[in-house]
Amino acid sequence: MIRSIATVQALLFVAGDEGLSLEQISSLLEIARPAASQMIEELTEKLADDDMSGLEIIKTANAYKIVTKEEFEKVIKQYAVSPYAAQISNAAMETLAIIAYKQPVTRLDIEQIRGVQCSGALQKLLLRDLIEEAGRLESPGRPKLYRTTKYFMDYFGLDNLAELPDAQELFALGEEEAEQLFSDNEELFEKWQKN
């Protein structure tokens, strides 16, 4: 296994807004906590000193995260409201649809349905205020829950979630995918089966 600060950077990037604890990094790299801590410290210093990088490492209460440097906040916000960001990518739209139909939902739930990681799509949707954090799931790791926002309702011209179109109209679902998507809503699953 490759054990380098580049590996730590890659892991933090993939972890997205959830970040990783020192224990998780240590476990994933199969190294002692002091060695993992040293690698995080080296990466933090390297990114902080690198004028060619727009990224930095921050430590929250119990996790390390890779984020954009504060000095780029203004241009990132400009991008978020610009015509360049107006189009929602297919990946973000799929992620948003899953959140809309299964909310509140964790990132892992979304990734299990989509079959690919979704932290980038989640960050874009959060930045555009289409989704928001809805607390944390009471399970190991306490993952964040996501739900749609009032702006989501306005953006799509909905008064309530019952006005969402049938999922079958949005994407072709097989029986297994539909069961997974509607596992928390038997009424919607039965409606999908009838169509």
C-alpha atoms as a PDB file:
ATOM      1  CA  MET A   1       0.000   0.000   0.000  1.00  0.00           C
ATOM      2  CA  ILE A   2       1.240   3.490  -0.815  1.00  0.00           C
ATOM      3  CA  ARG A   3       1.666   5.514   2.368  1.00  0.00           C
ATOM      4  CA  SER A   4       2.425   9.099   1.445  1.00  0.00           C
ATOM      5  CA  ILE A   5       1.037  12.568   1.980  1.00  0.00           C
ATOM      6  CA  ALA A   6      -0.374  12.298  -1.557  1.00  0.00           C
ATOM      7  CA  THR A   7      -2.376   9.290  -0.347  1.00  0.00           C
ATOM      8  CA  VAL A   8      -3.710  11.321   2.578  1.00  0.00           C
ATOM      9  CA  GLN A   9      -4.646  14.132   0.178  1.00  0.00           C
ATOM     10  CA  ALA A  10      -6.461  11.677  -2.115  1.00  0.00           C
ATOM     11  CA  LEU A  11      -8.356  10.153   0.822  1.00  0.00           C
ATOM     12  CA  LEU A  12      -9.413  13.571   2.130  1.00  0.00           C
ATOM     13  CA  PHE A  13     -10.527  14.609  -1.353  1.00  0.00           C
ATOM     14  CA  VAL A  14     -12.686  11.504  -1.755  1.00  0.00           C
ATOM     15  CA  ALA A  15     -14.087  11.902   1.773  1.00  0.00           C
ATOM     16  CA  GLY A  16     -15.427  15.327   0.754  1.00  0.00           C
ATOM     17  CA  ASP A  17     -17.318  17.368   3.320  1.00  0.00           C
ATOM     18  CA  GLU A  18     -17.460  14.431   5.756  1.00  0.00           C
ATOM     19  CA  GLY A  19     -13.695  14.499   6.185  1.00  0.00           C
ATOM     20  CA  LEU A  20     -11.746  11.779   7.968  1.00  0.00           C
ATOM     21  CA  SER A  21     -10.678  11.420  11.575  1.00  0.00           C
ATOM     22  CA  LEU A  22      -7.082  10.705  12.553  1.00  0.00           C
ATOM     23  CA  GLU A  23      -8.201   7.205  13.522  1.00  0.00           C
ATOM     24  CA  GLN A  24      -9.764   6.606  10.103  1.00  0.00           C
ATOM     25  CA  ILE A  25      -6.662   7.815   8.250  1.00  0.00           C
ATOM     26  CA  SER A  26      -4.448   5.692  10.482  1.00  0.00           C
ATOM     27  CA  SER A  27      -6.634   2.637   9.895  1.00  0.00           C
ATOM     28  CA  LEU A  28      -6.914   3.145   6.119  1.00  0.00           C
ATOM     29  CA  LEU A  29      -3.157   3.535   5.736  1.00  0.00           C
ATOM     30  CA  GLU A  30      -2.473   0.765   8.256  1.00  0.00           C
ATOM     31  CA  ILE A  31      -0.038   2.965  10.197  1.00  0.00           C
ATOM     32  CA  ALA A  32       0.213   4.202  13.779  1.00  0.00           C
ATOM     33  CA  ARG A  33      -1.663   7.359  14.742  1.00  0.00           C
ATOM     34  CA  PRO A  34       1.523   9.415  15.336  1.00  0.00           C
ATOM     35  CA  ALA A  35       2.710   8.583  11.796  1.00  0.00           C
ATOM     36  CA  ALA A  36      -0.696   9.508  10.353  1.00  0.00           C
ATOM     37  CA  SER A  37      -0.665  12.733  12.359  1.00  0.00           C
ATOM     38  CA  GLN A  38       2.798  13.572  10.986  1.00  0.00           C
ATOM     39  CA  MET A  39       1.595  12.997   7.403  1.00  0.00           C
ATOM     40  CA  ILE A  40      -1.433  15.243   7.948  1.00  0.00           C
ATOM     41  CA  GLU A  41       0.805  17.935   9.420  1.00  0.00           C
ATOM     42  CA  GLU A  42       3.195  17.711   6.436  1.00  0.00           C
ATOM     43  CA  LEU A  43       0.311  17.929   3.966  1.00  0.00           C
ATOM     44  CA  THR A  44      -1.215  20.873   5.845  1.00  0.00           C
ATOM     45  CA  GLU A  45       2.092  22.764   5.733  1.00  0.00           C
ATOM     46  CA  LYS A  46       2.742  21.857   2.082  1.00  0.00           C
ATOM     47  CA  LEU A  47      -0.641  23.139   0.926  1.00  0.00           C
ATOM     48  CA  ALA A  48      -0.447  26.268   3.111  1.00  0.00           C
ATOM     49  CA  ASP A  49       2.966  27.165   1.662  1.00  0.00           C
ATOM     50  CA  ASP A  50       2.040  26.353  -1.948  1.00  0.00           C
ATOM     51  CA  ASP A  51       0.942  29.522  -3.758  1.00  0.00           C
ATOM     52  CA  MET A  52      -0.007  27.348  -6.737  1.00  0.00           C
ATOM     53  CA  SER A  53      -2.637  25.472  -4.714  1.00  0.00           C
ATOM     54  CA  GLY A  54      -6.099  26.751  -3.882  1.00  0.00           C
ATOM     55  CA  LEU A  55      -6.604  24.043  -1.275  1.00  0.00           C
ATOM     56  CA  GLU A  56      -5.873  23.685   2.415  1.00  0.00           C
ATOM     57  CA  ILE A  57      -6.485  21.193   5.215  1.00  0.00           C
ATOM     58  CA  ILE A  58      -8.714  22.177   8.116  1.00  0.00           C
ATOM     59  CA  LYS A  59      -9.443  20.305  11.317  1.00  0.00           C
ATOM     60  CA  THR A  60     -12.964  20.366  12.699  1.00  0.00           C
ATOM     61  CA  ALA A  61     -14.046  18.860  16.003  1.00  0.00           C
ATOM     62  CA  ASN A  62     -13.196  15.317  14.952  1.00  0.00           C
ATOM     63  CA  ALA A  63     -12.222  15.308  11.271  1.00  0.00           C
ATOM     64  CA  TYR A  64      -9.690  16.628   8.801  1.00  0.00           C
ATOM     65  CA  LYS A  65     -11.056  18.060   5.562  1.00  0.00           C
ATOM     66  CA  ILE A  66      -9.598  19.353   2.333  1.00  0.00           C
ATOM     67  CA  VAL A  67     -11.226  22.689   1.440  1.00  0.00           C
ATOM     68  CA  THR A  68     -10.581  25.712  -0.737  1.00  0.00           C
ATOM     69  CA  LYS A  69      -8.445  28.452   0.763  1.00  0.00           C
ATOM     70  CA  GLU A  70     -10.419  31.296   2.305  1.00  0.00           C
ATOM     71  CA  GLU A  71      -8.845  33.834  -0.067  1.00  0.00           C
ATOM     72  CA  PHE A  72     -10.781  32.267  -2.969  1.00  0.00           C
ATOM     73  CA  GLU A  73     -14.207  32.557  -1.301  1.00  0.00           C
ATOM     74  CA  LYS A  74     -15.305  35.559  -3.373  1.00  0.00           C
ATOM     75  CA  VAL A  75     -14.487  34.053  -6.761  1.00  0.00           C
ATOM     76  CA  ILE A  76     -16.064  30.719  -5.771  1.00  0.00           C
ATOM     77  CA  LYS A  77     -19.285  32.492  -4.789  1.00  0.00           C
ATOM     78  CA  GLN A  78     -19.202  34.411  -8.093  1.00  0.00           C
ATOM     79  CA  TYR A  79     -18.897  31.120  -9.937  1.00  0.00           C
ATOM     80  CA  ALA A  80     -21.786  29.608  -7.996  1.00  0.00           C
ATOM     81  CA  VAL A  81     -24.202  32.308  -9.145  1.00  0.00           C
ATOM     82  CA  SER A  82     -22.766  32.756 -12.644  1.00  0.00           C
ATOM     83  CA  PRO A  83     -24.263  31.406 -15.876  1.00  0.00           C
ATOM     84  CA  TYR A  84     -21.378  28.899 -15.941  1.00  0.00           C
ATOM     85  CA  ALA A  85     -22.822  27.200 -12.886  1.00  0.00           C
ATOM     86  CA  ALA A  86     -26.458  27.593 -13.942  1.00  0.00           C
ATOM     87  CA  GLN A  87     -26.538  24.201 -15.619  1.00  0.00           C
ATOM     88  CA  ILE A  88     -26.879  21.312 -13.203  1.00  0.00           C
ATOM     89  CA  SER A  89     -24.728  18.352 -14.281  1.00  0.00           C
ATOM     90  CA  ASN A  90     -26.265  14.928 -14.777  1.00  0.00           C
ATOM     91  CA  ALA A  91     -24.378  13.628 -11.732  1.00  0.00           C
ATOM     92  CA  ALA A  92     -25.693  16.478  -9.576  1.00  0.00           C
ATOM     93  CA  MET A  93     -29.226  16.021 -10.950  1.00  0.00           C
ATOM     94  CA  GLU A  94     -29.169  12.286 -10.151  1.00  0.00           C
ATOM     95  CA  THR A  95     -27.889  13.061  -6.658  1.00  0.00           C
ATOM     96  CA  LEU A  96     -30.567  15.726  -6.195  1.00  0.00           C
ATOM     97  CA  ALA A  97     -33.308  13.343  -7.357  1.00  0.00           C
ATOM     98  CA  ILE A  98     -32.214  10.698  -4.860  1.00  0.00           C
ATOM     99  CA  ILE A  99     -32.190  13.265  -2.056  1.00  0.00           C
ATOM    100  CA  ALA A 100     -35.615  14.587  -3.065  1.00  0.00           C
ATOM    101  CA  TYR A 101     -37.219  11.126  -3.043  1.00  0.00           C
ATOM    102  CA  LYS A 102     -35.409   9.602  -0.035  1.00  0.00           C
ATOM    103  CA  GLN A 103     -34.773  12.578   2.244  1.00  0.00           C
ATOM    104  CA  PRO A 104     -33.271  12.747   4.720  1.00  0.00           C
ATOM    105  CA  VAL A 105     -30.487  10.611   3.246  1.00  0.00           C
ATOM    106  CA  THR A 106     -26.775  10.058   3.875  1.00  0.00           C
ATOM    107  CA  ARG A 107     -23.975  10.384   1.340  1.00  0.00           C
ATOM    108  CA  LEU A 108     -23.362   6.621   1.607  1.00  0.00           C
ATOM    109  CA  ASP A 109     -27.019   5.891   0.760  1.00  0.00           C
ATOM    110  CA  ILE A 110     -26.738   8.100  -2.326  1.00  0.00           C
ATOM    111  CA  GLU A 111     -23.482   6.451  -3.395  1.00  0.00           C
ATOM    112  CA  GLN A 112     -24.986   2.969  -2.972  1.00  0.00           C
ATOM    113  CA  ILE A 113     -27.865   3.914  -5.267  1.00  0.00           C
ATOM    114  CA  ARG A 114     -25.724   5.723  -7.860  1.00  0.00           C
ATOM    115  CA  GLY A 115     -22.820   3.295  -7.675  1.00  0.00           C
ATOM    116  CA  VAL A 116     -20.239   6.111  -7.647  1.00  0.00           C
ATOM    117  CA  GLN A 117     -18.982   8.650  -5.121  1.00  0.00           C
ATOM    118  CA  CYS A 118     -21.003  11.855  -4.947  1.00  0.00           C
ATOM    119  CA  SER A 119     -19.147  14.270  -2.664  1.00  0.00           C
ATOM    120  CA  GLY A 120     -18.476  16.679  -5.563  1.00  0.00           C
ATOM    121  CA  ALA A 121     -22.142  16.736  -6.563  1.00  0.00           C
ATOM    122  CA  LEU A 122     -23.175  17.227  -2.925  1.00  0.00           C
ATOM    123  CA  GLN A 123     -20.810  20.176  -2.558  1.00  0.00           C
ATOM    124  CA  LYS A 124     -22.204  21.814  -5.710  1.00  0.00           C
ATOM    125  CA  LEU A 125     -25.787  21.284  -4.557  1.00  0.00           C
ATOM    126  CA  LEU A 126     -24.975  22.690  -1.100  1.00  0.00           C
ATOM    127  CA  LEU A 127     -23.250  25.688  -2.676  1.00  0.00           C
ATOM    128  CA  ARG A 128     -26.302  26.351  -4.856  1.00  0.00           C
ATOM    129  CA  ASP A 129     -28.599  26.026  -1.805  1.00  0.00           C
ATOM    130  CA  LEU A 130     -30.624  23.205  -3.385  1.00  0.00           C
ATOM    131  CA  ILE A 131     -29.874  20.904  -0.455  1.00  0.00           C
ATOM    132  CA  GLU A 132     -28.920  21.351   3.184  1.00  0.00           C
ATOM    133  CA  GLU A 133     -27.682  19.308   6.086  1.00  0.00           C
ATOM    134  CA  ALA A 134     -30.532  17.794   8.081  1.00  0.00           C
ATOM    135  CA  GLY A 135     -28.670  16.621  11.155  1.00  0.00           C
ATOM    136  CA  ARG A 136     -26.797  13.370  11.642  1.00  0.00           C
ATOM    137  CA  LEU A 137     -27.860   9.748  11.571  1.00  0.00           C
ATOM    138  CA  GLU A 138     -27.746   8.024  14.959  1.00  0.00           C
ATOM    139  CA  SER A 139     -25.388   5.266  13.839  1.00  0.00           C
ATOM    140  CA  PRO A 140     -21.643   4.606  13.995  1.00  0.00           C
ATOM    141  CA  GLY A 141     -19.733   7.532  12.534  1.00  0.00           C
ATOM    142  CA  ARG A 142     -22.837   9.735  12.776  1.00  0.00           C
ATOM    143  CA  PRO A 143     -22.984  10.514   9.024  1.00  0.00           C
ATOM    144  CA  LYS A 144     -24.617  13.731   7.867  1.00  0.00           C
ATOM    145  CA  LEU A 145     -28.156  13.630   6.523  1.00  0.00           C
ATOM    146  CA  TYR A 146     -29.196  15.732   3.534  1.00  0.00           C
ATOM    147  CA  ARG A 147     -32.569  17.113   2.459  1.00  0.00           C
ATOM    148  CA  THR A 148     -33.855  19.582  -0.100  1.00  0.00           C
ATOM    149  CA  THR A 149     -34.312  23.271   0.742  1.00  0.00           C
ATOM    150  CA  LYS A 150     -37.058  25.833   0.288  1.00  0.00           C
ATOM    151  CA  TYR A 151     -34.984  27.177  -2.611  1.00  0.00           C
ATOM    152  CA  PHE A 152     -35.189  23.705  -4.214  1.00  0.00           C
ATOM    153  CA  MET A 153     -38.982  23.956  -4.067  1.00  0.00           C
ATOM    154  CA  ASP A 154     -38.895  27.438  -5.610  1.00  0.00           C
ATOM    155  CA  TYR A 155     -36.304  26.453  -8.236  1.00  0.00           C
ATOM    156  CA  PHE A 156     -38.463  23.572  -9.475  1.00  0.00           C
ATOM    157  CA  GLY A 157     -41.800  25.353  -8.953  1.00  0.00           C
ATOM    158  CA  LEU A 158     -43.107  22.959  -6.307  1.00  0.00           C
ATOM    159  CA  ASP A 159     -45.429  23.736  -3.407  1.00  0.00           C
ATOM    160  CA  ASN A 160     -44.654  20.446  -1.655  1.00  0.00           C
ATOM    161  CA  LEU A 161     -42.751  17.221  -2.249  1.00  0.00           C
ATOM    162  CA  ALA A 162     -45.918  15.370  -3.256  1.00  0.00           C
ATOM    163  CA  GLU A 163     -45.763  17.362  -6.497  1.00  0.00           C
ATOM    164  CA  LEU A 164     -42.515  15.655  -7.517  1.00  0.00           C
ATOM    165  CA  PRO A 165     -42.941  13.780 -10.801  1.00  0.00           C
ATOM    166  CA  ASP A 166     -42.893   9.999 -10.825  1.00  0.00           C
ATOM    167  CA  ALA A 167     -39.332   8.741 -10.547  1.00  0.00           C
ATOM    168  CA  GLN A 168     -39.902   6.602 -13.641  1.00  0.00           C
ATOM    169  CA  GLU A 169     -40.320   9.821 -15.636  1.00  0.00           C
ATOM    170  CA  LEU A 170     -36.932  11.066 -14.426  1.00  0.00           C
ATOM    171  CA  PHE A 171     -34.859   7.946 -15.024  1.00  0.00           C
ATOM    172  CA  ALA A 172     -35.492   4.374 -16.038  1.00  0.00           C
ATOM    173  CA  LEU A 173     -35.309   2.250 -12.931  1.00  0.00           C
ATOM    174  CA  GLY A 174     -35.022  -1.474 -12.631  1.00  0.00           C
ATOM    175  CA  GLU A 175     -36.984  -3.254  -9.918  1.00  0.00           C
ATOM    176  CA  GLU A 176     -33.938  -3.464  -7.604  1.00  0.00           C
ATOM    177  CA  GLU A 177     -33.038   0.233  -7.987  1.00  0.00           C
ATOM    178  CA  ALA A 178     -36.651   1.268  -7.425  1.00  0.00           C
ATOM    179  CA  GLU A 179     -36.899  -0.847  -4.261  1.00  0.00           C
ATOM    180  CA  GLN A 180     -33.726   0.774  -2.955  1.00  0.00           C
ATOM    181  CA  LEU A 181     -34.836   4.298  -3.863  1.00  0.00           C
ATOM    182  CA  PHE A 182     -38.291   3.896  -2.368  1.00  0.00           C
ATOM    183  CA  SER A 183     -37.362   1.678   0.579  1.00  0.00           C
ATOM    184  CA  ASP A 184     -38.611   4.308   3.021  1.00  0.00           C
ATOM    185  CA  ASN A 185     -41.791   5.104   1.095  1.00  0.00           C
ATOM    186  CA  GLU A 186     -43.936   2.077   0.284  1.00  0.00           C
ATOM    187  CA  GLU A 187     -46.663   4.240  -1.281  1.00  0.00           C
ATOM    188  CA  LEU A 188     -44.245   5.692  -3.868  1.00  0.00           C
ATOM    189  CA  PHE A 189     -42.855   2.200  -4.585  1.00  0.00           C
ATOM    190  CA  GLU A 190     -46.353   0.827  -5.220  1.00  0.00           C
ATOM    191  CA  LYS A 191     -47.062   3.819  -7.468  1.00  0.00           C
ATOM    192  CA  TRP A 192     -43.840   3.090  -9.390  1.00  0.00           C
ATOM    193  CA  GLN A 193     -44.809  -0.600  -9.770  1.00  0.00           C
ATOM    194  CA  LYS A 194     -48.183   0.334 -11.303  1.00  0.00           C
ATOM    195  CA  ASN A 195     -46.536   2.444 -14.031  1.00  0.00           C
END
